[in-house]
Amino acid sequence: MRHRKDHRRLGRKAEHRHALLRNLVTALFEHERIETTVAKAKETRRLAERLITFGKRGDLAARRHVARFLYKPEILAKLFETIAPWYSERNGGYTRIIRIGRRLGDAGEIGFLELVKSDEQKEADRQSRQAAAEAKALAQATDKSAKKKAEKEESAEAAPVTEEKPKRTKKKEAPGTGGGAAKPRPTRRKVGGG
Protein backbone atom coordinates (compact mmCIF):
# COMPACT_ATOMS: atom_id res chain seq x y z
CA MET A 1 0.00 0.00 0.00
CA ARG A 2 1.07 3.57 -0.64
CA HIS A 3 -0.32 5.27 2.45
CA ARG A 4 0.99 8.79 3.02
CA LYS A 5 2.88 8.90 -0.28
CA ASP A 6 2.39 12.37 -1.66
CA HIS A 7 3.43 12.14 -5.30
CA ARG A 8 2.84 10.14 -8.46
CA ARG A 9 5.61 7.88 -9.63
CA LEU A 10 4.70 8.24 -13.33
CA GLY A 11 6.19 4.80 -14.07
CA ARG A 12 9.76 6.06 -13.81
CA LYS A 13 12.73 5.76 -11.51
CA ALA A 14 13.49 8.74 -9.29
CA GLU A 15 16.23 10.24 -11.49
CA HIS A 16 14.18 9.93 -14.66
CA ARG A 17 11.09 11.39 -12.99
CA HIS A 18 13.08 14.31 -11.58
CA ALA A 19 14.57 15.12 -14.99
CA LEU A 20 11.15 14.84 -16.65
CA LEU A 21 9.56 17.25 -14.20
CA ARG A 22 12.44 19.72 -14.56
CA ASN A 23 11.97 19.65 -18.32
CA LEU A 24 8.22 20.16 -18.05
CA VAL A 25 8.52 23.06 -15.61
CA THR A 26 11.20 24.73 -17.74
CA ALA A 27 9.01 24.34 -20.86
CA LEU A 28 5.97 25.70 -18.99
CA PHE A 29 7.82 28.86 -17.99
CA GLU A 30 9.30 29.22 -21.49
CA HIS A 31 6.12 28.73 -23.54
CA GLU A 32 3.53 29.54 -20.83
CA ARG A 33 1.42 26.61 -22.05
CA ILE A 34 2.33 22.95 -22.61
CA GLU A 35 0.44 19.85 -23.69
CA THR A 36 1.04 16.68 -21.68
CA THR A 37 -0.80 13.90 -19.89
CA VAL A 38 -3.01 14.93 -17.01
CA ALA A 39 -0.98 12.92 -14.45
CA LYS A 40 2.26 14.65 -15.52
CA ALA A 41 0.48 18.00 -15.55
CA LYS A 42 -0.69 17.53 -11.96
CA GLU A 43 2.84 16.75 -10.79
CA THR A 44 4.31 19.61 -12.81
CA ARG A 45 1.74 22.03 -11.40
CA ARG A 46 2.89 21.30 -7.82
CA LEU A 47 6.48 22.19 -8.63
CA ALA A 48 5.70 25.15 -10.89
CA GLU A 49 3.55 26.85 -8.28
CA ARG A 50 6.26 26.41 -5.65
CA LEU A 51 8.83 27.97 -7.98
CA ILE A 52 6.54 30.91 -8.75
CA THR A 53 6.18 31.47 -5.00
CA PHE A 54 9.98 31.56 -4.72
CA GLY A 55 9.98 33.99 -7.65
CA LYS A 56 7.58 36.26 -5.78
CA ARG A 57 10.00 36.30 -2.83
CA GLY A 58 12.70 37.52 -5.18
CA ASP A 59 15.70 37.43 -2.82
CA LEU A 60 19.07 35.87 -3.59
CA ALA A 61 18.39 32.64 -1.70
CA ALA A 62 15.15 32.13 -3.64
CA ARG A 63 16.93 32.80 -6.93
CA ARG A 64 19.63 30.24 -6.10
CA HIS A 65 17.03 27.69 -5.04
CA VAL A 66 15.15 28.03 -8.34
CA ALA A 67 18.39 28.08 -10.35
CA ARG A 68 19.18 24.58 -9.07
CA PHE A 69 15.94 23.32 -10.59
CA LEU A 70 15.51 25.11 -13.95
CA TYR A 71 17.68 24.14 -16.90
CA LYS A 72 18.00 27.47 -18.70
CA PRO A 73 19.30 30.70 -17.12
CA GLU A 74 17.15 32.83 -19.45
CA ILE A 75 14.04 31.06 -18.14
CA LEU A 76 15.19 31.81 -14.59
CA ALA A 77 15.40 35.50 -15.48
CA LYS A 78 11.97 35.36 -17.14
CA LEU A 79 10.46 33.77 -14.02
CA PHE A 80 11.80 36.42 -11.64
CA GLU A 81 11.37 39.47 -13.90
CA THR A 82 8.18 38.68 -15.86
CA ILE A 83 6.12 35.79 -14.51
CA ALA A 84 6.37 36.35 -10.74
CA PRO A 85 5.16 40.00 -10.90
CA TRP A 86 1.96 38.82 -12.64
CA TYR A 87 0.92 37.09 -9.42
CA SER A 88 1.99 39.67 -6.83
CA GLU A 89 -1.63 40.06 -5.66
CA ARG A 90 -2.49 36.35 -5.88
CA ASN A 91 -1.89 33.66 -3.26
CA GLY A 92 -1.60 30.41 -5.19
CA GLY A 93 -3.52 29.06 -8.16
CA TYR A 94 -1.02 30.27 -10.74
CA THR A 95 -1.66 27.43 -13.20
CA ARG A 96 -4.64 25.58 -14.64
CA ILE A 97 -5.14 22.21 -16.32
CA ILE A 98 -7.53 22.01 -19.27
CA ARG A 99 -8.42 18.45 -20.26
CA ILE A 100 -8.66 17.99 -24.04
CA GLY A 101 -9.40 14.30 -24.49
CA ARG A 102 -7.62 11.01 -24.93
CA ARG A 103 -4.52 10.20 -26.96
CA LEU A 104 -5.09 7.93 -29.95
CA GLY A 105 -2.20 5.55 -29.35
CA ASP A 106 -2.74 4.47 -25.75
CA ALA A 107 -5.86 6.43 -24.71
CA GLY A 108 -3.87 8.43 -22.16
CA GLU A 109 -5.76 11.49 -20.94
CA ILE A 110 -4.20 14.64 -22.42
CA GLY A 111 -4.50 18.21 -21.23
CA PHE A 112 -2.99 21.67 -21.41
CA LEU A 113 -1.08 23.01 -18.43
CA GLU A 114 -0.94 26.78 -18.66
CA LEU A 115 -0.17 29.82 -16.57
CA VAL A 116 -3.25 31.78 -15.51
CA LYS A 117 -3.29 35.28 -16.98
CA SER A 118 -5.44 38.32 -16.40
CA ASP A 119 -7.68 39.75 -19.13
CA GLU A 120 -5.24 42.62 -19.76
CA GLN A 121 -2.37 40.18 -20.27
CA LYS A 122 -4.45 38.08 -22.67
CA GLU A 123 -5.35 41.16 -24.71
CA ALA A 124 -1.71 42.29 -24.84
CA ASP A 125 -0.63 38.80 -25.97
CA ARG A 126 -3.31 38.77 -28.67
CA GLN A 127 -2.22 42.17 -29.98
CA SER A 128 1.45 41.16 -30.02
CA ARG A 129 0.58 37.96 -31.94
CA GLN A 130 -1.44 39.96 -34.47
CA ALA A 131 1.39 42.45 -34.94
CA ALA A 132 3.88 39.61 -35.43
CA ALA A 133 1.57 37.91 -37.98
CA GLU A 134 1.14 41.17 -39.91
CA ALA A 135 4.90 41.78 -39.94
CA LYS A 136 5.49 38.24 -41.17
CA ALA A 137 2.90 38.60 -43.94
CA LEU A 138 4.44 41.92 -45.00
CA ALA A 139 7.93 40.39 -45.05
CA GLN A 140 6.71 37.47 -47.17
CA ALA A 141 4.96 39.81 -49.62
CA THR A 142 8.08 41.94 -50.09
CA ASP A 143 10.18 38.78 -50.37
CA LYS A 144 7.92 37.40 -53.12
CA SER A 145 8.04 40.65 -55.09
CA ALA A 146 11.83 40.72 -54.81
CA LYS A 147 12.02 37.13 -56.08
CA LYS A 148 9.80 37.95 -59.07
CA LYS A 149 12.01 40.92 -59.97
CA ALA A 150 15.11 38.76 -59.72
CA GLU A 151 13.54 36.05 -61.90
CA LYS A 152 12.55 38.61 -64.55
CA GLU A 153 16.07 40.02 -64.60
CA GLU A 154 17.59 36.54 -64.88
CA SER A 155 15.24 35.57 -67.72
CA ALA A 156 16.02 38.82 -69.56
CA GLU A 157 19.75 38.14 -69.26
CA ALA A 158 19.43 34.49 -70.26
CA ALA A 159 17.16 35.07 -73.29
CA PRO A 160 19.79 36.14 -75.92
CA VAL A 161 22.09 33.20 -75.12
CA THR A 162 20.15 30.38 -76.77
CA GLU A 163 21.93 27.54 -78.48
CA GLU A 164 20.30 25.04 -80.76
CA LYS A 165 20.70 21.44 -79.77
CA PRO A 166 21.06 18.81 -82.47
CA LYS A 167 17.93 16.78 -83.08
CA ARG A 168 17.95 13.24 -81.80
CA THR A 169 17.42 10.48 -84.31
CA LYS A 170 15.75 7.17 -83.80
CA LYS A 171 18.09 4.31 -82.92
CA LYS A 172 18.50 1.66 -85.55
CA GLU A 173 17.66 -1.88 -84.59
CA ALA A 174 20.44 -4.42 -84.57
CA PRO A 175 20.02 -7.13 -87.18
CA GLY A 176 18.43 -10.33 -85.94
CA THR A 177 16.62 -8.86 -82.93
CA GLY A 178 13.21 -9.72 -84.38
CA GLY A 179 11.36 -6.44 -84.24
CA GLY A 180 12.83 -5.12 -81.04
CA ALA A 181 11.51 -7.71 -78.61
CA ALA A 182 12.94 -7.17 -75.15
CA LYS A 183 15.24 -9.70 -73.54
CA PRO A 184 13.65 -11.74 -70.80
CA ARG A 185 14.79 -10.50 -67.39
CA PRO A 186 16.29 -12.98 -64.99
CA THR A 187 13.99 -13.73 -62.10
CA ARG A 188 15.08 -13.83 -58.52
CA ARG A 189 15.71 -17.18 -57.03
CA LYS A 190 13.53 -18.18 -54.09
CA VAL A 191 15.42 -18.55 -50.85
CA GLY A 192 14.31 -21.15 -48.36
CA GLY A 193 12.34 -24.32 -49.03
CA GLY A 194 9.45 -24.77 -51.41
C-alpha atoms as a PDB file:
ATOM      1  CA  MET A   1       0.000   0.000   0.000  1.00  0.00           C
ATOM      2  CA  ARG A   2       1.067   3.567  -0.639  1.00  0.00           C
ATOM      3  CA  HIS A   3      -0.319   5.265   2.445  1.00  0.00           C
ATOM      4  CA  ARG A   4       0.986   8.788   3.024  1.00  0.00           C
ATOM      5  CA  LYS A   5       2.885   8.896  -0.279  1.00  0.00           C
ATOM      6  CA  ASP A   6       2.390  12.369  -1.660  1.00  0.00           C
ATOM      7  CA  HIS A   7       3.430  12.142  -5.297  1.00  0.00           C
ATOM      8  CA  ARG A   8       2.841  10.144  -8.458  1.00  0.00           C
ATOM      9  CA  ARG A   9       5.607   7.879  -9.634  1.00  0.00           C
ATOM     10  CA  LEU A  10       4.704   8.240 -13.332  1.00  0.00           C
ATOM     11  CA  GLY A  11       6.191   4.802 -14.074  1.00  0.00           C
ATOM     12  CA  ARG A  12       9.760   6.061 -13.810  1.00  0.00           C
ATOM     13  CA  LYS A  13      12.734   5.755 -11.514  1.00  0.00           C
ATOM     14  CA  ALA A  14      13.488   8.739  -9.289  1.00  0.00           C
ATOM     15  CA  GLU A  15      16.232  10.237 -11.487  1.00  0.00           C
ATOM     16  CA  HIS A  16      14.178   9.933 -14.661  1.00  0.00           C
ATOM     17  CA  ARG A  17      11.088  11.385 -12.987  1.00  0.00           C
ATOM     18  CA  HIS A  18      13.078  14.307 -11.575  1.00  0.00           C
ATOM     19  CA  ALA A  19      14.567  15.120 -14.995  1.00  0.00           C
ATOM     20  CA  LEU A  20      11.149  14.837 -16.653  1.00  0.00           C
ATOM     21  CA  LEU A  21       9.556  17.250 -14.202  1.00  0.00           C
ATOM     22  CA  ARG A  22      12.442  19.719 -14.557  1.00  0.00           C
ATOM     23  CA  ASN A  23      11.972  19.652 -18.324  1.00  0.00           C
ATOM     24  CA  LEU A  24       8.219  20.158 -18.048  1.00  0.00           C
ATOM     25  CA  VAL A  25       8.518  23.062 -15.607  1.00  0.00           C
ATOM     26  CA  THR A  26      11.199  24.730 -17.740  1.00  0.00           C
ATOM     27  CA  ALA A  27       9.006  24.336 -20.856  1.00  0.00           C
ATOM     28  CA  LEU A  28       5.973  25.696 -18.991  1.00  0.00           C
ATOM     29  CA  PHE A  29       7.816  28.864 -17.990  1.00  0.00           C
ATOM     30  CA  GLU A  30       9.301  29.221 -21.485  1.00  0.00           C
ATOM     31  CA  HIS A  31       6.117  28.726 -23.537  1.00  0.00           C
ATOM     32  CA  GLU A  32       3.529  29.544 -20.835  1.00  0.00           C
ATOM     33  CA  ARG A  33       1.421  26.607 -22.047  1.00  0.00           C
ATOM     34  CA  ILE A  34       2.335  22.947 -22.606  1.00  0.00           C
ATOM     35  CA  GLU A  35       0.439  19.848 -23.693  1.00  0.00           C
ATOM     36  CA  THR A  36       1.043  16.684 -21.684  1.00  0.00           C
ATOM     37  CA  THR A  37      -0.797  13.900 -19.887  1.00  0.00           C
ATOM     38  CA  VAL A  38      -3.015  14.926 -17.005  1.00  0.00           C
ATOM     39  CA  ALA A  39      -0.981  12.923 -14.451  1.00  0.00           C
ATOM     40  CA  LYS A  40       2.257  14.649 -15.522  1.00  0.00           C
ATOM     41  CA  ALA A  41       0.480  18.002 -15.552  1.00  0.00           C
ATOM     42  CA  LYS A  42      -0.690  17.527 -11.962  1.00  0.00           C
ATOM     43  CA  GLU A  43       2.837  16.747 -10.786  1.00  0.00           C
ATOM     44  CA  THR A  44       4.311  19.606 -12.810  1.00  0.00           C
ATOM     45  CA  ARG A  45       1.743  22.026 -11.395  1.00  0.00           C
ATOM     46  CA  ARG A  46       2.893  21.304  -7.820  1.00  0.00           C
ATOM     47  CA  LEU A  47       6.479  22.190  -8.629  1.00  0.00           C
ATOM     48  CA  ALA A  48       5.700  25.145 -10.895  1.00  0.00           C
ATOM     49  CA  GLU A  49       3.552  26.845  -8.278  1.00  0.00           C
ATOM     50  CA  ARG A  50       6.256  26.413  -5.648  1.00  0.00           C
ATOM     51  CA  LEU A  51       8.832  27.971  -7.980  1.00  0.00           C
ATOM     52  CA  ILE A  52       6.540  30.910  -8.752  1.00  0.00           C
ATOM     53  CA  THR A  53       6.178  31.474  -4.998  1.00  0.00           C
ATOM     54  CA  PHE A  54       9.976  31.558  -4.723  1.00  0.00           C
ATOM     55  CA  GLY A  55       9.981  33.992  -7.648  1.00  0.00           C
ATOM     56  CA  LYS A  56       7.584  36.263  -5.776  1.00  0.00           C
ATOM     57  CA  ARG A  57       9.996  36.304  -2.828  1.00  0.00           C
ATOM     58  CA  GLY A  58      12.696  37.524  -5.178  1.00  0.00           C
ATOM     59  CA  ASP A  59      15.703  37.431  -2.824  1.00  0.00           C
ATOM     60  CA  LEU A  60      19.069  35.870  -3.590  1.00  0.00           C
ATOM     61  CA  ALA A  61      18.391  32.645  -1.703  1.00  0.00           C
ATOM     62  CA  ALA A  62      15.154  32.134  -3.639  1.00  0.00           C
ATOM     63  CA  ARG A  63      16.934  32.796  -6.933  1.00  0.00           C
ATOM     64  CA  ARG A  64      19.633  30.239  -6.103  1.00  0.00           C
ATOM     65  CA  HIS A  65      17.029  27.687  -5.035  1.00  0.00           C
ATOM     66  CA  VAL A  66      15.149  28.029  -8.335  1.00  0.00           C
ATOM     67  CA  ALA A  67      18.387  28.084 -10.353  1.00  0.00           C
ATOM     68  CA  ARG A  68      19.178  24.585  -9.069  1.00  0.00           C
ATOM     69  CA  PHE A  69      15.942  23.322 -10.591  1.00  0.00           C
ATOM     70  CA  LEU A  70      15.508  25.112 -13.955  1.00  0.00           C
ATOM     71  CA  TYR A  71      17.681  24.139 -16.901  1.00  0.00           C
ATOM     72  CA  LYS A  72      18.003  27.474 -18.699  1.00  0.00           C
ATOM     73  CA  PRO A  73      19.304  30.697 -17.124  1.00  0.00           C
ATOM     74  CA  GLU A  74      17.153  32.835 -19.452  1.00  0.00           C
ATOM     75  CA  ILE A  75      14.043  31.062 -18.141  1.00  0.00           C
ATOM     76  CA  LEU A  76      15.193  31.811 -14.594  1.00  0.00           C
ATOM     77  CA  ALA A  77      15.401  35.503 -15.485  1.00  0.00           C
ATOM     78  CA  LYS A  78      11.967  35.360 -17.136  1.00  0.00           C
ATOM     79  CA  LEU A  79      10.455  33.774 -14.017  1.00  0.00           C
ATOM     80  CA  PHE A  80      11.795  36.423 -11.645  1.00  0.00           C
ATOM     81  CA  GLU A  81      11.369  39.471 -13.904  1.00  0.00           C
ATOM     82  CA  THR A  82       8.182  38.679 -15.862  1.00  0.00           C
ATOM     83  CA  ILE A  83       6.122  35.786 -14.513  1.00  0.00           C
ATOM     84  CA  ALA A  84       6.370  36.354 -10.738  1.00  0.00           C
ATOM     85  CA  PRO A  85       5.163  40.000 -10.901  1.00  0.00           C
ATOM     86  CA  TRP A  86       1.959  38.819 -12.642  1.00  0.00           C
ATOM     87  CA  TYR A  87       0.923  37.094  -9.420  1.00  0.00           C
ATOM     88  CA  SER A  88       1.993  39.667  -6.827  1.00  0.00           C
ATOM     89  CA  GLU A  89      -1.632  40.058  -5.657  1.00  0.00           C
ATOM     90  CA  ARG A  90      -2.485  36.354  -5.885  1.00  0.00           C
ATOM     91  CA  ASN A  91      -1.894  33.661  -3.262  1.00  0.00           C
ATOM     92  CA  GLY A  92      -1.599  30.411  -5.189  1.00  0.00           C
ATOM     93  CA  GLY A  93      -3.522  29.059  -8.161  1.00  0.00           C
ATOM     94  CA  TYR A  94      -1.020  30.273 -10.745  1.00  0.00           C
ATOM     95  CA  THR A  95      -1.665  27.425 -13.196  1.00  0.00           C
ATOM     96  CA  ARG A  96      -4.645  25.579 -14.640  1.00  0.00           C
ATOM     97  CA  ILE A  97      -5.136  22.213 -16.321  1.00  0.00           C
ATOM     98  CA  ILE A  98      -7.532  22.007 -19.273  1.00  0.00           C
ATOM     99  CA  ARG A  99      -8.420  18.446 -20.262  1.00  0.00           C
ATOM    100  CA  ILE A 100      -8.661  17.992 -24.039  1.00  0.00           C
ATOM    101  CA  GLY A 101      -9.397  14.299 -24.493  1.00  0.00           C
ATOM    102  CA  ARG A 102      -7.624  11.012 -24.928  1.00  0.00           C
ATOM    103  CA  ARG A 103      -4.521  10.203 -26.961  1.00  0.00           C
ATOM    104  CA  LEU A 104      -5.088   7.928 -29.955  1.00  0.00           C
ATOM    105  CA  GLY A 105      -2.200   5.554 -29.350  1.00  0.00           C
ATOM    106  CA  ASP A 106      -2.744   4.474 -25.748  1.00  0.00           C
ATOM    107  CA  ALA A 107      -5.864   6.428 -24.706  1.00  0.00           C
ATOM    108  CA  GLY A 108      -3.868   8.430 -22.160  1.00  0.00           C
ATOM    109  CA  GLU A 109      -5.758  11.490 -20.937  1.00  0.00           C
ATOM    110  CA  ILE A 110      -4.198  14.638 -22.416  1.00  0.00           C
ATOM    111  CA  GLY A 111      -4.496  18.206 -21.231  1.00  0.00           C
ATOM    112  CA  PHE A 112      -2.989  21.667 -21.412  1.00  0.00           C
ATOM    113  CA  LEU A 113      -1.084  23.008 -18.432  1.00  0.00           C
ATOM    114  CA  GLU A 114      -0.941  26.776 -18.658  1.00  0.00           C
ATOM    115  CA  LEU A 115      -0.169  29.820 -16.575  1.00  0.00           C
ATOM    116  CA  VAL A 116      -3.249  31.775 -15.509  1.00  0.00           C
ATOM    117  CA  LYS A 117      -3.289  35.283 -16.977  1.00  0.00           C
ATOM    118  CA  SER A 118      -5.444  38.320 -16.397  1.00  0.00           C
ATOM    119  CA  ASP A 119      -7.677  39.752 -19.127  1.00  0.00           C
ATOM    120  CA  GLU A 120      -5.237  42.620 -19.763  1.00  0.00           C
ATOM    121  CA  GLN A 121      -2.375  40.178 -20.270  1.00  0.00           C
ATOM    122  CA  LYS A 122      -4.454  38.077 -22.674  1.00  0.00           C
ATOM    123  CA  GLU A 123      -5.351  41.165 -24.708  1.00  0.00           C
ATOM    124  CA  ALA A 124      -1.707  42.290 -24.840  1.00  0.00           C
ATOM    125  CA  ASP A 125      -0.630  38.799 -25.969  1.00  0.00           C
ATOM    126  CA  ARG A 126      -3.309  38.768 -28.668  1.00  0.00           C
ATOM    127  CA  GLN A 127      -2.221  42.172 -29.981  1.00  0.00           C
ATOM    128  CA  SER A 128       1.450  41.163 -30.023  1.00  0.00           C
ATOM    129  CA  ARG A 129       0.583  37.957 -31.937  1.00  0.00           C
ATOM    130  CA  GLN A 130      -1.441  39.958 -34.469  1.00  0.00           C
ATOM    131  CA  ALA A 131       1.393  42.454 -34.938  1.00  0.00           C
ATOM    132  CA  ALA A 132       3.879  39.608 -35.433  1.00  0.00           C
ATOM    133  CA  ALA A 133       1.574  37.908 -37.980  1.00  0.00           C
ATOM    134  CA  GLU A 134       1.143  41.168 -39.914  1.00  0.00           C
ATOM    135  CA  ALA A 135       4.898  41.780 -39.936  1.00  0.00           C
ATOM    136  CA  LYS A 136       5.493  38.239 -41.171  1.00  0.00           C
ATOM    137  CA  ALA A 137       2.904  38.600 -43.944  1.00  0.00           C
ATOM    138  CA  LEU A 138       4.439  41.920 -45.000  1.00  0.00           C
ATOM    139  CA  ALA A 139       7.934  40.386 -45.048  1.00  0.00           C
ATOM    140  CA  GLN A 140       6.710  37.473 -47.169  1.00  0.00           C
ATOM    141  CA  ALA A 141       4.960  39.808 -49.616  1.00  0.00           C
ATOM    142  CA  THR A 142       8.079  41.938 -50.093  1.00  0.00           C
ATOM    143  CA  ASP A 143      10.183  38.780 -50.370  1.00  0.00           C
ATOM    144  CA  LYS A 144       7.917  37.405 -53.123  1.00  0.00           C
ATOM    145  CA  SER A 145       8.038  40.651 -55.092  1.00  0.00           C
ATOM    146  CA  ALA A 146      11.834  40.722 -54.811  1.00  0.00           C
ATOM    147  CA  LYS A 147      12.016  37.129 -56.082  1.00  0.00           C
ATOM    148  CA  LYS A 148       9.802  37.953 -59.069  1.00  0.00           C
ATOM    149  CA  LYS A 149      12.005  40.916 -59.969  1.00  0.00           C
ATOM    150  CA  ALA A 150      15.106  38.764 -59.721  1.00  0.00           C
ATOM    151  CA  GLU A 151      13.536  36.053 -61.902  1.00  0.00           C
ATOM    152  CA  LYS A 152      12.548  38.614 -64.548  1.00  0.00           C
ATOM    153  CA  GLU A 153      16.070  40.016 -64.602  1.00  0.00           C
ATOM    154  CA  GLU A 154      17.589  36.545 -64.884  1.00  0.00           C
ATOM    155  CA  SER A 155      15.240  35.570 -67.722  1.00  0.00           C
ATOM    156  CA  ALA A 156      16.017  38.823 -69.561  1.00  0.00           C
ATOM    157  CA  GLU A 157      19.746  38.137 -69.264  1.00  0.00           C
ATOM    158  CA  ALA A 158      19.429  34.491 -70.261  1.00  0.00           C
ATOM    159  CA  ALA A 159      17.164  35.074 -73.294  1.00  0.00           C
ATOM    160  CA  PRO A 160      19.794  36.138 -75.919  1.00  0.00           C
ATOM    161  CA  VAL A 161      22.092  33.196 -75.117  1.00  0.00           C
ATOM    162  CA  THR A 162      20.152  30.380 -76.768  1.00  0.00           C
ATOM    163  CA  GLU A 163      21.931  27.538 -78.479  1.00  0.00           C
ATOM    164  CA  GLU A 164      20.299  25.042 -80.757  1.00  0.00           C
ATOM    165  CA  LYS A 165      20.699  21.440 -79.773  1.00  0.00           C
ATOM    166  CA  PRO A 166      21.058  18.812 -82.467  1.00  0.00           C
ATOM    167  CA  LYS A 167      17.933  16.782 -83.079  1.00  0.00           C
ATOM    168  CA  ARG A 168      17.946  13.235 -81.796  1.00  0.00           C
ATOM    169  CA  THR A 169      17.423  10.483 -84.312  1.00  0.00           C
ATOM    170  CA  LYS A 170      15.749   7.171 -83.799  1.00  0.00           C
ATOM    171  CA  LYS A 171      18.089   4.309 -82.921  1.00  0.00           C
ATOM    172  CA  LYS A 172      18.500   1.660 -85.551  1.00  0.00           C
ATOM    173  CA  GLU A 173      17.662  -1.883 -84.588  1.00  0.00           C
ATOM    174  CA  ALA A 174      20.443  -4.419 -84.574  1.00  0.00           C
ATOM    175  CA  PRO A 175      20.022  -7.133 -87.179  1.00  0.00           C
ATOM    176  CA  GLY A 176      18.426 -10.328 -85.936  1.00  0.00           C
ATOM    177  CA  THR A 177      16.623  -8.862 -82.930  1.00  0.00           C
ATOM    178  CA  GLY A 178      13.214  -9.716 -84.385  1.00  0.00           C
ATOM    179  CA  GLY A 179      11.361  -6.445 -84.245  1.00  0.00           C
ATOM    180  CA  GLY A 180      12.826  -5.122 -81.038  1.00  0.00           C
ATOM    181  CA  ALA A 181      11.514  -7.709 -78.609  1.00  0.00           C
ATOM    182  CA  ALA A 182      12.942  -7.171 -75.150  1.00  0.00           C
ATOM    183  CA  LYS A 183      15.239  -9.705 -73.545  1.00  0.00           C
ATOM    184  CA  PRO A 184      13.651 -11.736 -70.802  1.00  0.00           C
ATOM    185  CA  ARG A 185      14.785 -10.503 -67.393  1.00  0.00           C
ATOM    186  CA  PRO A 186      16.294 -12.977 -64.991  1.00  0.00           C
ATOM    187  CA  THR A 187      13.988 -13.734 -62.098  1.00  0.00           C
ATOM    188  CA  ARG A 188      15.079 -13.834 -58.517  1.00  0.00           C
ATOM    189  CA  ARG A 189      15.707 -17.181 -57.032  1.00  0.00           C
ATOM    190  CA  LYS A 190      13.530 -18.180 -54.090  1.00  0.00           C
ATOM    191  CA  VAL A 191      15.415 -18.549 -50.849  1.00  0.00           C
ATOM    192  CA  GLY A 192      14.305 -21.151 -48.358  1.00  0.00           C
ATOM    193  CA  GLY A 193      12.339 -24.317 -49.031  1.00  0.00           C
ATOM    194  CA  GLY A 194       9.450 -24.775 -51.405  1.00  0.00           C
END
